[in-house]
PDB file of N, CA and C in Angstrom:
ATOM      1  N   ARG A   1      11.227 -24.222   8.529  1.00  0.00           N
ATOM      2  CA  ARG A   1      12.601 -25.123   8.493  1.00  0.00           C
ATOM      3  C   ARG A   1      12.453 -25.511   6.937  1.00  0.00           C
ATOM      4  N   GLU A   2      11.585 -25.156   6.351  1.00  0.00           N
ATOM      5  CA  GLU A   2      11.354 -25.881   4.714  1.00  0.00           C
ATOM      6  C   GLU A   2      11.993 -24.625   3.800  1.00  0.00           C
ATOM      7  N   PRO A   3      12.401 -25.133   2.562  1.00  0.00           N
ATOM      8  CA  PRO A   3      13.005 -23.994   1.804  1.00  0.00           C
ATOM      9  C   PRO A   3      11.863 -22.882   1.246  1.00  0.00           C
ATOM     10  N   VAL A   4      12.213 -21.760   0.977  1.00  0.00           N
ATOM     11  CA  VAL A   4      11.312 -20.821   0.531  1.00  0.00           C
ATOM     12  C   VAL A   4      11.000 -21.263  -1.006  1.00  0.00           C
ATOM     13  N   GLU A   5       9.874 -21.340  -1.653  1.00  0.00           N
ATOM     14  CA  GLU A   5       9.494 -21.642  -2.642  1.00  0.00           C
ATOM     15  C   GLU A   5       9.084 -20.317  -3.497  1.00  0.00           C
ATOM     16  N   ALA A   6       8.642 -19.309  -2.616  1.00  0.00           N
ATOM     17  CA  ALA A   6       8.054 -18.036  -3.549  1.00  0.00           C
ATOM     18  C   ALA A   6       8.304 -16.888  -2.753  1.00  0.00           C
ATOM     19  N   TRP A   7       8.640 -15.754  -3.399  1.00  0.00           N
ATOM     20  CA  TRP A   7       8.688 -14.553  -2.581  1.00  0.00           C
ATOM     21  C   TRP A   7       7.448 -13.856  -3.325  1.00  0.00           C
ATOM     22  N   ILE A   8       6.422 -13.208  -2.639  1.00  0.00           N
ATOM     23  CA  ILE A   8       5.223 -12.519  -2.865  1.00  0.00           C
ATOM     24  C   ILE A   8       5.228 -11.292  -2.685  1.00  0.00           C
ATOM     25  N   VAL A   9       5.082 -10.341  -3.834  1.00  0.00           N
ATOM     26  CA  VAL A   9       4.896  -9.132  -3.693  1.00  0.00           C
ATOM     27  C   VAL A   9       3.312  -8.944  -4.173  1.00  0.00           C
ATOM     28  N   ASP A  10       2.569  -7.959  -3.300  1.00  0.00           N
ATOM     29  CA  ASP A  10       1.057  -8.050  -3.381  1.00  0.00           C
ATOM     30  C   ASP A  10       0.675  -6.517  -3.044  1.00  0.00           C
ATOM     31  N   ASP A  11      -0.213  -6.061  -3.821  1.00  0.00           N
ATOM     32  CA  ASP A  11      -1.032  -4.520  -3.400  1.00  0.00           C
ATOM     33  C   ASP A  11      -2.273  -5.016  -2.806  1.00  0.00           C
ATOM     34  N   THR A  12      -2.760  -3.977  -1.772  1.00  0.00           N
ATOM     35  CA  THR A  12      -4.038  -4.283  -1.302  1.00  0.00           C
ATOM     36  C   THR A  12      -4.476  -2.842  -1.031  1.00  0.00           C
ATOM     37  N   GLY A  13      -5.801  -2.752  -1.416  1.00  0.00           N
ATOM     38  CA  GLY A  13      -6.509  -1.330  -1.428  1.00  0.00           C
ATOM     39  C   GLY A  13      -7.226  -1.374  -0.476  1.00  0.00           C
ATOM     40  N   PHE A  14      -7.367  -0.110   0.237  1.00  0.00           N
ATOM     41  CA  PHE A  14      -8.205   0.034   1.518  1.00  0.00           C
ATOM     42  C   PHE A  14      -9.208   1.274   1.089  1.00  0.00           C
ATOM     43  N   LEU A  15     -10.420   0.898   0.801  1.00  0.00           N
ATOM     44  CA  LEU A  15     -11.402   2.130   0.599  1.00  0.00           C
ATOM     45  C   LEU A  15     -11.330   3.079   1.503  1.00  0.00           C
ATOM     46  N   LYS A  16     -11.387   4.247   1.161  1.00  0.00           N
ATOM     47  CA  LYS A  16     -11.449   5.414   1.925  1.00  0.00           C
ATOM     48  C   LYS A  16     -12.479   6.594   1.775  1.00  0.00           C
ATOM     49  N   GLN A  17     -12.989   7.355   2.630  1.00  0.00           N
ATOM     50  CA  GLN A  17     -13.873   8.479   2.202  1.00  0.00           C
ATOM     51  C   GLN A  17     -12.940   9.802   2.664  1.00  0.00           C
ATOM     52  N   GLY A  18     -13.020  10.753   2.199  1.00  0.00           N
ATOM     53  CA  GLY A  18     -12.317  11.694   2.535  1.00  0.00           C
ATOM     54  C   GLY A  18     -11.039  11.794   1.825  1.00  0.00           C
ATOM     55  N   LYS A  19     -10.095  12.885   2.275  1.00  0.00           N
ATOM     56  CA  LYS A  19      -8.695  12.891   1.677  1.00  0.00           C
ATOM     57  C   LYS A  19      -7.509  13.143   2.526  1.00  0.00           C
ATOM     58  N   HIS A  20      -7.965  13.121   3.789  1.00  0.00           N
ATOM     59  CA  HIS A  20      -6.912  13.380   4.877  1.00  0.00           C
ATOM     60  C   HIS A  20      -6.062  12.279   5.290  1.00  0.00           C
ATOM     61  N   SER A  21      -6.362  11.110   4.971  1.00  0.00           N
ATOM     62  CA  SER A  21      -5.618   9.783   5.567  1.00  0.00           C
ATOM     63  C   SER A  21      -4.272   9.789   4.610  1.00  0.00           C
ATOM     64  N   VAL A  22      -3.217   9.475   5.026  1.00  0.00           N
ATOM     65  CA  VAL A  22      -2.094   9.710   4.172  1.00  0.00           C
ATOM     66  C   VAL A  22      -1.968   8.472   3.056  1.00  0.00           C
ATOM     67  N   GLY A  23      -1.716   9.085   1.803  1.00  0.00           N
ATOM     68  CA  GLY A  23      -1.812   8.530   0.905  1.00  0.00           C
ATOM     69  C   GLY A  23      -3.243   8.203  -0.073  1.00  0.00           C
ATOM     70  N   VAL A  24      -4.107   8.828   0.445  1.00  0.00           N
ATOM     71  CA  VAL A  24      -5.714   8.566  -0.104  1.00  0.00           C
ATOM     72  C   VAL A  24      -5.600   9.471  -1.230  1.00  0.00           C
ATOM     73  N   GLN A  25      -6.216   8.791  -2.300  1.00  0.00           N
ATOM     74  CA  GLN A  25      -6.463   9.422  -3.736  1.00  0.00           C
ATOM     75  C   GLN A  25      -7.305   8.757  -4.353  1.00  0.00           C
ATOM     76  N   ARG A  26      -8.045   9.191  -5.681  1.00  0.00           N
ATOM     77  CA  ARG A  26      -8.590   8.503  -6.589  1.00  0.00           C
ATOM     78  C   ARG A  26      -7.476   7.658  -7.312  1.00  0.00           C
ATOM     79  N   GLN A  27      -7.712   6.265  -7.204  1.00  0.00           N
ATOM     80  CA  GLN A  27      -6.691   5.430  -7.859  1.00  0.00           C
ATOM     81  C   GLN A  27      -7.279   4.066  -7.939  1.00  0.00           C
ATOM     82  N   TYR A  28      -6.730   3.337  -8.810  1.00  0.00           N
ATOM     83  CA  TYR A  28      -7.383   1.757  -9.203  1.00  0.00           C
ATOM     84  C   TYR A  28      -6.970   1.166  -8.004  1.00  0.00           C
ATOM     85  N   THR A  29      -8.020   0.101  -7.518  1.00  0.00           N
ATOM     86  CA  THR A  29      -7.839  -0.722  -6.603  1.00  0.00           C
ATOM     87  C   THR A  29      -8.467  -2.050  -6.892  1.00  0.00           C
ATOM     88  N   GLY A  30      -7.905  -3.208  -7.105  1.00  0.00           N
ATOM     89  CA  GLY A  30      -8.319  -4.444  -7.261  1.00  0.00           C
ATOM     90  C   GLY A  30      -9.411  -4.682  -6.257  1.00  0.00           C
ATOM     91  N   SER A  31      -9.501  -4.345  -4.743  1.00  0.00           N
ATOM     92  CA  SER A  31     -10.225  -4.586  -3.866  1.00  0.00           C
ATOM     93  C   SER A  31     -11.840  -4.117  -4.119  1.00  0.00           C
ATOM     94  N   ALA A  32     -11.906  -2.942  -5.074  1.00  0.00           N
ATOM     95  CA  ALA A  32     -13.270  -2.441  -5.493  1.00  0.00           C
ATOM     96  C   ALA A  32     -13.350  -2.748  -7.082  1.00  0.00           C
ATOM     97  N   GLY A  33     -12.230  -3.056  -7.740  1.00  0.00           N
ATOM     98  CA  GLY A  33     -12.295  -3.401  -9.192  1.00  0.00           C
ATOM     99  C   GLY A  33     -12.346  -2.145 -10.126  1.00  0.00           C
ATOM    100  N   LYS A  34     -12.051  -1.244  -9.598  1.00  0.00           N
ATOM    101  CA  LYS A  34     -12.118   0.291 -10.310  1.00  0.00           C
ATOM    102  C   LYS A  34     -11.342   1.327  -9.534  1.00  0.00           C
ATOM    103  N   ILE A  35     -11.427   2.396 -10.348  1.00  0.00           N
ATOM    104  CA  ILE A  35     -10.739   3.607  -9.504  1.00  0.00           C
ATOM    105  C   ILE A  35     -11.706   4.180  -8.683  1.00  0.00           C
ATOM    106  N   THR A  36     -11.161   4.238  -7.445  1.00  0.00           N
ATOM    107  CA  THR A  36     -11.995   4.977  -6.283  1.00  0.00           C
ATOM    108  C   THR A  36     -11.010   5.487  -5.241  1.00  0.00           C
ATOM    109  N   ASN A  37     -11.694   6.247  -4.388  1.00  0.00           N
ATOM    110  CA  ASN A  37     -10.773   6.741  -3.208  1.00  0.00           C
ATOM    111  C   ASN A  37     -10.238   5.799  -2.210  1.00  0.00           C
ATOM    112  N   CYS A  38      -8.993   5.645  -2.286  1.00  0.00           N
ATOM    113  CA  CYS A  38      -8.339   4.422  -1.409  1.00  0.00           C
ATOM    114  C   CYS A  38      -6.952   4.781  -1.031  1.00  0.00           C
ATOM    115  N   GLN A  39      -6.482   4.084  -0.269  1.00  0.00           N
ATOM    116  CA  GLN A  39      -4.929   3.873  -0.206  1.00  0.00           C
ATOM    117  C   GLN A  39      -4.552   2.533  -0.468  1.00  0.00           C
ATOM    118  N   ILE A  40      -3.344   2.549  -0.802  1.00  0.00           N
ATOM    119  CA  ILE A  40      -2.811   1.319  -1.444  1.00  0.00           C
ATOM    120  C   ILE A  40      -1.572   0.759  -0.615  1.00  0.00           C
ATOM    121  N   GLY A  41      -1.668  -0.229  -0.158  1.00  0.00           N
ATOM    122  CA  GLY A  41      -0.280  -0.796   0.847  1.00  0.00           C
ATOM    123  C   GLY A  41       0.089  -1.876  -0.061  1.00  0.00           C
ATOM    124  N   VAL A  42       1.473  -2.005   0.114  1.00  0.00           N
ATOM    125  CA  VAL A  42       2.219  -3.217  -0.780  1.00  0.00           C
ATOM    126  C   VAL A  42       2.818  -4.111   0.273  1.00  0.00           C
ATOM    127  N   SER A  43       2.822  -5.193   0.259  1.00  0.00           N
ATOM    128  CA  SER A  43       3.572  -6.380   1.024  1.00  0.00           C
ATOM    129  C   SER A  43       4.459  -7.141   0.510  1.00  0.00           C
ATOM    130  N   LEU A  44       5.298  -7.756   1.233  1.00  0.00           N
ATOM    131  CA  LEU A  44       6.295  -8.641   0.829  1.00  0.00           C
ATOM    132  C   LEU A  44       6.060  -9.826   1.802  1.00  0.00           C
ATOM    133  N   SER A  45       5.844 -11.240   1.223  1.00  0.00           N
ATOM    134  CA  SER A  45       5.708 -12.230   1.936  1.00  0.00           C
ATOM    135  C   SER A  45       6.757 -13.469   1.156  1.00  0.00           C
ATOM    136  N   VAL A  46       6.800 -14.560   2.096  1.00  0.00           N
ATOM    137  CA  VAL A  46       7.627 -15.620   1.447  1.00  0.00           C
ATOM    138  C   VAL A  46       6.525 -16.734   1.524  1.00  0.00           C
ATOM    139  N   ALA A  47       6.787 -17.888   0.896  1.00  0.00           N
ATOM    140  CA  ALA A  47       5.674 -18.997   1.272  1.00  0.00           C
ATOM    141  C   ALA A  47       6.793 -20.424   0.986  1.00  0.00           C
ATOM    142  N   THR A  48       6.704 -21.235   1.752  1.00  0.00           N
ATOM    143  CA  THR A  48       7.118 -22.505   1.620  1.00  0.00           C
ATOM    144  C   THR A  48       6.084 -23.390   1.224  1.00  0.00           C
ATOM    145  N   ARG A  49       6.228 -24.751   0.933  1.00  0.00           N
ATOM    146  CA  ARG A  49       4.970 -25.464   0.660  1.00  0.00           C
ATOM    147  C   ARG A  49       3.905 -25.664   1.441  1.00  0.00           C
ATOM    148  N   THR A  50       4.078 -25.246   2.685  1.00  0.00           N
ATOM    149  CA  THR A  50       3.017 -25.571   3.655  1.00  0.00           C
ATOM    150  C   THR A  50       2.697 -24.283   4.692  1.00  0.00           C
ATOM    151  N   GLU A  51       3.692 -23.274   4.514  1.00  0.00           N
ATOM    152  CA  GLU A  51       3.506 -21.875   5.356  1.00  0.00           C
ATOM    153  C   GLU A  51       3.525 -20.668   4.456  1.00  0.00           C
ATOM    154  N   HIS A  52       3.102 -19.730   4.962  1.00  0.00           N
ATOM    155  CA  HIS A  52       3.156 -18.295   4.410  1.00  0.00           C
ATOM    156  C   HIS A  52       3.521 -17.279   5.293  1.00  0.00           C
ATOM    157  N   LEU A  53       4.477 -16.595   5.215  1.00  0.00           N
ATOM    158  CA  LEU A  53       4.948 -15.587   6.342  1.00  0.00           C
ATOM    159  C   LEU A  53       5.078 -14.263   5.603  1.00  0.00           C
ATOM    160  N   PRO A  54       4.159 -13.261   6.299  1.00  0.00           N
ATOM    161  CA  PRO A  54       4.525 -11.735   5.757  1.00  0.00           C
ATOM    162  C   PRO A  54       5.770 -11.199   6.351  1.00  0.00           C
ATOM    163  N   LEU A  55       6.490 -10.439   5.635  1.00  0.00           N
ATOM    164  CA  LEU A  55       7.798  -9.852   6.124  1.00  0.00           C
ATOM    165  C   LEU A  55       7.801  -8.578   6.149  1.00  0.00           C
ATOM    166  N   ASP A  56       7.228  -7.915   5.259  1.00  0.00           N
ATOM    167  CA  ASP A  56       7.172  -6.244   5.288  1.00  0.00           C
ATOM    168  C   ASP A  56       5.987  -5.673   4.626  1.00  0.00           C
ATOM    169  N   PHE A  57       5.670  -4.641   4.945  1.00  0.00           N
ATOM    170  CA  PHE A  57       4.427  -3.831   4.521  1.00  0.00           C
ATOM    171  C   PHE A  57       4.639  -2.451   4.376  1.00  0.00           C
ATOM    172  N   GLU A  58       4.442  -1.751   3.259  1.00  0.00           N
ATOM    173  CA  GLU A  58       4.759  -0.223   3.178  1.00  0.00           C
ATOM    174  C   GLU A  58       3.542   0.415   2.619  1.00  0.00           C
ATOM    175  N   LEU A  59       2.973   1.609   3.018  1.00  0.00           N
ATOM    176  CA  LEU A  59       1.987   2.371   2.257  1.00  0.00           C
ATOM    177  C   LEU A  59       2.517   3.033   1.029  1.00  0.00           C
ATOM    178  N   TYR A  60       1.789   2.784   0.008  1.00  0.00           N
ATOM    179  CA  TYR A  60       2.167   3.516  -1.347  1.00  0.00           C
ATOM    180  C   TYR A  60       1.988   4.886  -1.184  1.00  0.00           C
ATOM    181  N   LEU A  61       2.756   5.849  -1.617  1.00  0.00           N
ATOM    182  CA  LEU A  61       2.528   7.248  -1.437  1.00  0.00           C
ATOM    183  C   LEU A  61       2.421   7.738  -3.022  1.00  0.00           C
ATOM    184  N   PRO A  62       1.072   7.926  -3.544  1.00  0.00           N
ATOM    185  CA  PRO A  62       1.228   8.438  -4.819  1.00  0.00           C
ATOM    186  C   PRO A  62       1.661   9.955  -5.111  1.00  0.00           C
ATOM    187  N   GLU A  63       2.077  10.059  -6.479  1.00  0.00           N
ATOM    188  CA  GLU A  63       2.929  11.405  -6.675  1.00  0.00           C
ATOM    189  C   GLU A  63       1.958  12.735  -6.104  1.00  0.00           C
ATOM    190  N   GLY A  64       0.553  12.476  -6.157  1.00  0.00           N
ATOM    191  CA  GLY A  64      -0.246  13.588  -5.607  1.00  0.00           C
ATOM    192  C   GLY A  64       0.183  13.956  -4.294  1.00  0.00           C
ATOM    193  N   TRP A  65       0.759  13.114  -3.214  1.00  0.00           N
ATOM    194  CA  TRP A  65       1.215  13.363  -2.199  1.00  0.00           C
ATOM    195  C   TRP A  65       2.688  13.748  -2.287  1.00  0.00           C
ATOM    196  N   THR A  66       3.549  13.027  -3.090  1.00  0.00           N
ATOM    197  CA  THR A  66       4.928  13.183  -2.918  1.00  0.00           C
ATOM    198  C   THR A  66       5.177  14.814  -3.500  1.00  0.00           C
ATOM    199  N   ASN A  67       4.640  15.057  -4.327  1.00  0.00           N
ATOM    200  CA  ASN A  67       4.508  16.478  -5.086  1.00  0.00           C
ATOM    201  C   ASN A  67       4.011  17.657  -4.136  1.00  0.00           C
ATOM    202  N   ASP A  68       3.329  17.279  -3.016  1.00  0.00           N
ATOM    203  CA  ASP A  68       2.531  18.287  -2.612  1.00  0.00           C
ATOM    204  C   ASP A  68       3.360  18.674  -0.891  1.00  0.00           C
ATOM    205  N   ALA A  69       4.149  19.487  -1.131  1.00  0.00           N
ATOM    206  CA  ALA A  69       5.055  19.612   0.396  1.00  0.00           C
ATOM    207  C   ALA A  69       4.159  20.131   1.361  1.00  0.00           C
ATOM    208  N   ALA A  70       3.120  20.864   1.236  1.00  0.00           N
ATOM    209  CA  ALA A  70       2.269  21.185   2.220  1.00  0.00           C
ATOM    210  C   ALA A  70       1.683  19.867   2.803  1.00  0.00           C
ATOM    211  N   ARG A  71       1.035  19.504   2.088  1.00  0.00           N
ATOM    212  CA  ARG A  71       0.236  18.237   2.311  1.00  0.00           C
ATOM    213  C   ARG A  71       1.080  17.085   3.186  1.00  0.00           C
ATOM    214  N   ARG A  72       2.450  16.941   2.730  1.00  0.00           N
ATOM    215  CA  ARG A  72       3.277  15.858   3.631  1.00  0.00           C
ATOM    216  C   ARG A  72       3.677  16.799   4.833  1.00  0.00           C
ATOM    217  N   ARG A  73       3.753  17.898   4.755  1.00  0.00           N
ATOM    218  CA  ARG A  73       4.228  18.664   6.126  1.00  0.00           C
ATOM    219  C   ARG A  73       2.950  18.312   7.121  1.00  0.00           C
ATOM    220  N   GLU A  74       1.775  18.732   6.571  1.00  0.00           N
ATOM    221  CA  GLU A  74       0.654  18.570   7.450  1.00  0.00           C
ATOM    222  C   GLU A  74       0.548  17.010   8.222  1.00  0.00           C
ATOM    223  N   ALA A  75       0.797  15.932   7.180  1.00  0.00           N
ATOM    224  CA  ALA A  75       0.919  15.002   7.514  1.00  0.00           C
ATOM    225  C   ALA A  75       2.113  14.152   8.297  1.00  0.00           C
ATOM    226  N   ARG A  76       2.914  15.017   8.487  1.00  0.00           N
ATOM    227  CA  ARG A  76       4.283  14.830   9.216  1.00  0.00           C
ATOM    228  C   ARG A  76       4.921  13.817   8.261  1.00  0.00           C
ATOM    229  N   ILE A  77       5.091  13.683   6.766  1.00  0.00           N
ATOM    230  CA  ILE A  77       5.809  12.952   5.972  1.00  0.00           C
ATOM    231  C   ILE A  77       7.104  13.740   5.548  1.00  0.00           C
ATOM    232  N   PRO A  78       8.181  13.138   5.999  1.00  0.00           N
ATOM    233  CA  PRO A  78       9.404  13.849   5.529  1.00  0.00           C
ATOM    234  C   PRO A  78       9.438  13.836   4.039  1.00  0.00           C
ATOM    235  N   ALA A  79      10.529  14.897   3.564  1.00  0.00           N
ATOM    236  CA  ALA A  79      10.649  14.952   2.187  1.00  0.00           C
ATOM    237  C   ALA A  79      11.438  13.754   1.616  1.00  0.00           C
TER     238      ALA A  79
END
């Protein structure tokens, strides 16, 4: 019931091994502080003075995935 004081957009890296999980590739993640094999998720949250509420979360799909039709098809990712 408080007014929203901030909209928060944040990215989170999920360290991964292999290359079959959707969106995994070598890319920078603050979770590791370096370029490493990972997935990146982007979240949207709002904050009031006393509360924090997540609203949405999406998996970032790097160009290495968006430009590879065979890989997208195998992972069932639509064009």
